[in-house]
Amino acid sequence: MVVSENLNGYVTKDRMWAAVAFGKSKFIIIHNGQQVHVTNNLINAKSYINKQTTITKNKTSSLEQFL
């Protein structure tokens, strides 16, 4: 799922989510161009992004696939 990862940040494959370094040790999580969360390190940022992407995948109902 990783396109780019280094000490400066993280970007998902679909480029919908990014974790960008902010200050000395914080990371801002950006989704669709909007800041949604701030974490203390890159590991927590990646964990937050992974949780949010699985939540959105599970929210689609079975009826939506037929519409």
Protein backbone atom coordinates (compact mmCIF):
# COMPACT_ATOMS: atom_id res chain seq x y z
CA MET A 1 0.00 0.00 0.00
CA VAL A 2 3.02 2.29 0.25
CA VAL A 3 4.06 4.47 -2.67
CA SER A 4 6.58 6.54 -0.81
CA GLU A 5 7.90 6.26 2.71
CA ASN A 6 10.83 7.95 4.38
CA LEU A 7 11.57 10.04 7.44
CA ASN A 8 9.64 12.95 5.94
CA GLY A 9 6.33 11.15 5.49
CA TYR A 10 4.14 8.48 3.98
CA VAL A 11 1.75 8.36 1.02
CA THR A 12 -0.76 5.61 0.23
CA LYS A 13 -0.90 3.87 -3.13
CA ASP A 14 -4.12 5.60 -4.18
CA ARG A 15 -2.68 8.96 -3.01
CA MET A 16 -5.79 9.70 -0.96
CA TRP A 17 -3.94 9.66 2.38
CA ALA A 18 -0.63 11.19 3.43
CA ALA A 19 1.34 11.67 6.63
CA VAL A 20 3.54 14.76 6.44
CA ALA A 21 6.26 15.70 8.94
CA PHE A 22 5.31 18.67 11.09
CA GLY A 23 7.87 20.19 13.41
CA LYS A 24 10.50 17.94 14.95
CA SER A 25 8.47 14.83 15.73
CA LYS A 26 4.81 15.28 14.78
CA PHE A 27 2.99 14.13 11.66
CA ILE A 28 -0.13 15.65 10.12
CA ILE A 29 -2.47 13.21 8.40
CA ILE A 30 -4.08 14.57 5.26
CA HIS A 31 -7.05 12.98 3.46
CA ASN A 32 -8.41 14.46 0.22
CA GLY A 33 -6.48 17.68 0.81
CA GLN A 34 -7.79 18.28 4.33
CA GLN A 35 -5.97 17.86 7.63
CA VAL A 36 -7.79 15.20 9.64
CA HIS A 37 -5.43 14.22 12.48
CA VAL A 38 -2.06 14.87 14.16
CA THR A 39 0.13 12.07 15.57
CA ASN A 40 3.38 11.94 17.51
CA ASN A 41 5.30 9.62 15.17
CA LEU A 42 5.20 7.95 11.76
CA ILE A 43 4.20 4.55 13.13
CA ASN A 44 1.06 6.00 14.73
CA ALA A 45 0.27 7.94 11.56
CA LYS A 46 0.46 4.80 9.41
CA SER A 47 -1.67 2.91 11.92
CA TYR A 48 -4.32 5.65 11.88
CA ILE A 49 -4.41 5.67 8.07
CA ASN A 50 -4.73 1.88 7.90
CA LYS A 51 -7.60 1.90 10.41
CA GLN A 52 -9.43 4.66 8.55
CA THR A 53 -9.08 2.93 5.17
CA THR A 54 -10.48 -0.35 6.54
CA ILE A 55 -13.38 1.50 8.18
CA THR A 56 -14.35 3.14 4.88
CA LYS A 57 -14.12 -0.19 3.05
CA ASN A 58 -16.45 -1.82 5.59
CA LYS A 59 -19.03 0.99 5.48
CA THR A 60 -20.32 0.17 2.01
CA SER A 61 -23.55 -1.77 2.14
CA SER A 62 -24.34 -4.79 0.04
CA LEU A 63 -27.03 -2.80 -1.80
CA GLU A 64 -24.52 -0.20 -3.05
CA GLN A 65 -22.70 -2.74 -5.20
CA PHE A 66 -25.84 -3.20 -7.32
CA LEU A 67 -26.57 0.50 -7.85
